[in-house]
């Protein structure tokens, strides 16, 4: 399986988590840019963990069981897919907030 196919399958598996995470990341960056306080950085990551846990739980409860079997049959580990989604989401938040911090000095 090529890297492009793996990226596409990761996107198709976790697009709900990616979209919810992107909205949260943009809101945190906007809040930090409007009122620059360093404690907002810590709060953003703590709340990100809570938002991710809630989103993950809801997606797991509402996802069709056949779709999970589809990824398993392709030879993809569900835990690895979830971990990659988590890492991408948290790294995107860190990069976005670092850019805001660098811009505001």
Protein backbone atom coordinates (compact mmCIF):
# COMPACT_ATOMS: atom_id res chain seq x y z
CA UNK A 1 0.00 0.00 0.00
CA UNK A 2 1.44 3.35 -1.01
CA UNK A 3 1.77 6.38 1.24
CA UNK A 4 -0.86 8.24 -0.78
CA UNK A 5 -3.37 5.43 -0.25
CA UNK A 6 -2.57 5.31 3.46
CA UNK A 7 -3.11 9.06 3.78
CA UNK A 8 -6.42 8.80 1.94
CA UNK A 9 -7.60 5.93 4.14
CA UNK A 10 -6.56 7.79 7.29
CA UNK A 11 -8.53 10.82 6.08
CA UNK A 12 -11.58 8.71 5.24
CA UNK A 13 -11.44 6.99 8.64
CA UNK A 14 -10.97 10.12 10.73
CA UNK A 15 -12.47 12.98 8.76
CA UNK A 16 -14.96 13.79 11.53
CA UNK A 17 -12.18 14.02 14.11
CA UNK A 18 -10.06 16.08 11.69
CA UNK A 19 -12.88 18.53 10.98
CA UNK A 20 -13.86 18.96 14.63
CA UNK A 21 -10.20 19.34 15.52
CA UNK A 22 -9.64 21.91 12.77
CA UNK A 23 -12.56 24.02 13.98
CA UNK A 24 -11.23 23.86 17.54
CA UNK A 25 -7.68 24.71 16.40
CA UNK A 26 -8.86 27.76 14.47
CA UNK A 27 -10.97 28.95 17.41
CA UNK A 28 -8.00 28.59 19.80
CA UNK A 29 -5.67 30.42 17.43
CA UNK A 30 -8.21 33.21 16.98
CA UNK A 31 -8.72 33.52 20.74
CA UNK A 32 -4.97 33.61 21.33
CA UNK A 33 -4.47 36.19 18.59
CA UNK A 34 -7.22 38.46 19.94
CA UNK A 35 -6.12 38.37 23.59
CA UNK A 36 -2.58 37.11 23.96
CA UNK A 37 -2.10 35.33 27.29
CA UNK A 38 0.34 32.47 27.78
CA UNK A 39 -2.06 30.52 30.05
CA UNK A 40 -4.38 30.19 27.05
CA UNK A 41 -1.75 27.91 25.49
CA UNK A 42 -1.96 25.44 28.37
CA UNK A 43 -5.74 25.65 28.51
CA UNK A 44 -5.97 25.06 24.77
CA UNK A 45 -4.11 21.75 25.03
CA UNK A 46 -6.07 20.59 28.07
CA UNK A 47 -9.38 21.39 26.41
CA UNK A 48 -8.12 19.81 23.17
CA UNK A 49 -7.67 16.54 25.02
CA UNK A 50 -11.23 16.75 26.36
CA UNK A 51 -12.67 17.64 22.97
CA UNK A 52 -10.76 14.78 21.35
CA UNK A 53 -11.97 12.24 23.93
CA UNK A 54 -15.59 13.33 23.52
CA UNK A 55 -15.36 13.35 19.72
CA UNK A 56 -13.64 9.97 19.68
CA UNK A 57 -16.29 8.47 21.94
CA UNK A 58 -19.18 9.83 19.86
CA UNK A 59 -17.64 8.70 16.59
CA UNK A 60 -16.96 5.25 18.01
CA UNK A 61 -20.55 4.92 19.21
CA UNK A 62 -22.10 6.20 15.99
CA UNK A 63 -19.76 4.56 13.46
CA UNK A 64 -21.10 1.63 11.49
CA UNK A 65 -19.43 -1.64 12.47
CA UNK A 66 -18.97 -2.63 8.84
CA UNK A 67 -16.79 0.39 8.18
CA UNK A 68 -14.37 -0.69 10.91
CA UNK A 69 -14.21 -4.18 9.43
CA UNK A 70 -13.40 -2.58 6.06
CA UNK A 71 -10.20 -1.03 7.47
CA UNK A 72 -9.24 -4.22 9.29
CA UNK A 73 -9.65 -6.22 6.07
CA UNK A 74 -7.32 -3.77 4.31
CA UNK A 75 -4.67 -4.66 6.87
CA UNK A 76 -4.82 -1.38 8.75
CA UNK A 77 -4.78 -1.34 12.51
CA UNK A 78 -7.58 0.74 14.02
CA UNK A 79 -5.34 1.75 16.93
CA UNK A 80 -2.64 2.99 14.55
CA UNK A 81 -5.23 4.98 12.58
CA UNK A 82 -6.52 6.56 15.78
CA UNK A 83 -3.00 7.33 16.96
CA UNK A 84 -2.09 8.96 13.65
CA UNK A 85 -5.24 11.09 13.81
CA UNK A 86 -4.41 12.12 17.37
CA UNK A 87 -0.82 13.02 16.49
CA UNK A 88 -1.76 15.01 13.40
CA UNK A 89 -4.45 16.87 15.29
CA UNK A 90 -2.27 17.82 18.26
CA UNK A 91 0.69 18.72 16.04
CA UNK A 92 -1.49 20.97 13.91
CA UNK A 93 -2.67 22.76 17.07
CA UNK A 94 0.92 23.14 18.27
CA UNK A 95 2.09 24.55 14.92
CA UNK A 96 -0.85 26.93 14.69
CA UNK A 97 -0.38 28.24 18.22
CA UNK A 98 3.38 28.51 17.74
CA UNK A 99 2.76 30.63 14.65
CA UNK A 100 0.47 32.93 16.64
CA UNK A 101 3.05 33.21 19.44
CA UNK A 102 5.80 34.04 16.96
CA UNK A 103 3.65 36.66 15.25
CA UNK A 104 2.75 38.35 18.54
CA UNK A 105 6.27 38.10 19.89
